[in-house]
């Protein structure tokens, strides 16, 4: 995985994109020595989104099962529990 300063990534933006798009390379962009962003191939992004969707589905199924087991709460009760 390559690392570039933000200024170098900005100067060579087209090259940075091409490294990800055609070279299938992940490029981490740093600012003041800290990683702040990444340019990744679109396939990597799609995989990350799919993983997030699967995690969300597992969480939703667990919440639904919990609701069926314990019963639903009204919105007023939920807001009160959250201190809103």
Protein backbone atom coordinates (compact mmCIF):
# COMPACT_ATOMS: atom_id res chain seq x y z
CA UNK A 1 0.00 0.00 0.00
CA UNK A 2 1.42 3.34 -1.04
CA UNK A 3 1.44 6.45 1.13
CA UNK A 4 1.43 9.99 -0.25
CA UNK A 5 1.36 13.36 1.39
CA UNK A 6 -1.76 15.34 0.62
CA UNK A 7 0.26 17.87 -1.37
CA UNK A 8 1.84 15.16 -3.57
CA UNK A 9 -1.52 13.46 -4.06
CA UNK A 10 -3.01 16.81 -5.09
CA UNK A 11 -0.17 17.56 -7.51
CA UNK A 12 -0.46 14.14 -9.11
CA UNK A 13 -4.19 13.61 -8.66
CA UNK A 14 -4.69 11.93 -12.05
CA UNK A 15 -1.76 9.61 -11.36
CA UNK A 16 -3.10 8.78 -7.91
CA UNK A 17 -6.48 7.86 -9.38
CA UNK A 18 -4.86 5.79 -12.12
CA UNK A 19 -2.83 3.85 -9.56
CA UNK A 20 -6.07 2.81 -7.89
CA UNK A 21 -8.20 2.36 -11.00
CA UNK A 22 -5.77 0.56 -13.28
CA UNK A 23 -3.02 -0.63 -10.96
CA UNK A 24 -5.48 -1.91 -8.35
CA UNK A 25 -3.35 -0.12 -5.77
CA UNK A 26 -4.56 1.39 -2.51
CA UNK A 27 -3.11 4.82 -1.89
CA UNK A 28 -3.24 6.30 1.60
CA UNK A 29 -3.16 10.10 1.76
CA UNK A 30 -1.42 11.69 4.73
CA UNK A 31 -1.60 15.15 6.17
CA UNK A 32 0.96 16.22 8.77
CA UNK A 33 2.11 12.60 9.06
CA UNK A 34 -1.37 11.22 9.81
CA UNK A 35 -3.45 9.03 7.52
CA UNK A 36 -6.55 11.01 6.55
CA UNK A 37 -8.00 9.35 3.45
CA UNK A 38 -7.50 6.62 0.90
CA UNK A 39 -7.95 6.24 -2.83
CA UNK A 40 -8.96 2.67 -3.53
CA UNK A 41 -10.07 0.63 -6.51
CA UNK A 42 -13.84 0.69 -7.00
CA UNK A 43 -13.98 -3.07 -6.40
CA UNK A 44 -12.59 -2.51 -2.90
CA UNK A 45 -15.26 0.11 -2.19
CA UNK A 46 -18.02 -2.20 -3.44
CA UNK A 47 -16.73 -4.99 -1.19
CA UNK A 48 -16.65 -2.65 1.81
CA UNK A 49 -20.22 -1.52 1.09
CA UNK A 50 -21.37 -5.14 0.78
CA UNK A 51 -19.77 -6.00 4.12
CA UNK A 52 -21.46 -3.01 5.75
CA UNK A 53 -24.81 -4.07 4.28
CA UNK A 54 -24.38 -7.59 5.66
CA UNK A 55 -23.52 -6.26 9.11
CA UNK A 56 -26.57 -3.97 8.99
CA UNK A 57 -28.75 -6.93 8.01
CA UNK A 58 -27.47 -9.02 10.92
CA UNK A 59 -28.12 -6.10 13.30
CA UNK A 60 -31.62 -5.55 11.89
CA UNK A 61 -32.50 -9.23 12.24
CA UNK A 62 -31.24 -9.22 15.84
CA UNK A 63 -33.29 -6.11 16.63
CA UNK A 64 -36.39 -7.67 15.07
CA UNK A 65 -35.91 -10.88 17.05
CA UNK A 66 -35.44 -8.85 20.24
CA UNK A 67 -38.64 -6.90 19.51
CA UNK A 68 -40.58 -10.10 18.93
CA UNK A 69 -39.22 -11.51 22.18
CA UNK A 70 -39.60 -8.43 24.42
CA UNK A 71 -42.21 -6.43 22.58
CA UNK A 72 -41.99 -3.05 20.95
CA UNK A 73 -41.48 0.28 22.72
CA UNK A 74 -43.32 3.43 21.81
CA UNK A 75 -41.39 6.33 20.33
CA UNK A 76 -42.06 8.37 23.47
CA UNK A 77 -40.44 5.69 25.65
CA UNK A 78 -37.42 5.44 23.35
CA UNK A 79 -36.95 9.21 23.34
CA UNK A 80 -37.23 9.30 27.12
CA UNK A 81 -34.68 6.47 27.46
CA UNK A 82 -32.31 8.46 25.25
CA UNK A 83 -32.92 11.63 27.25
CA UNK A 84 -34.44 13.46 24.29
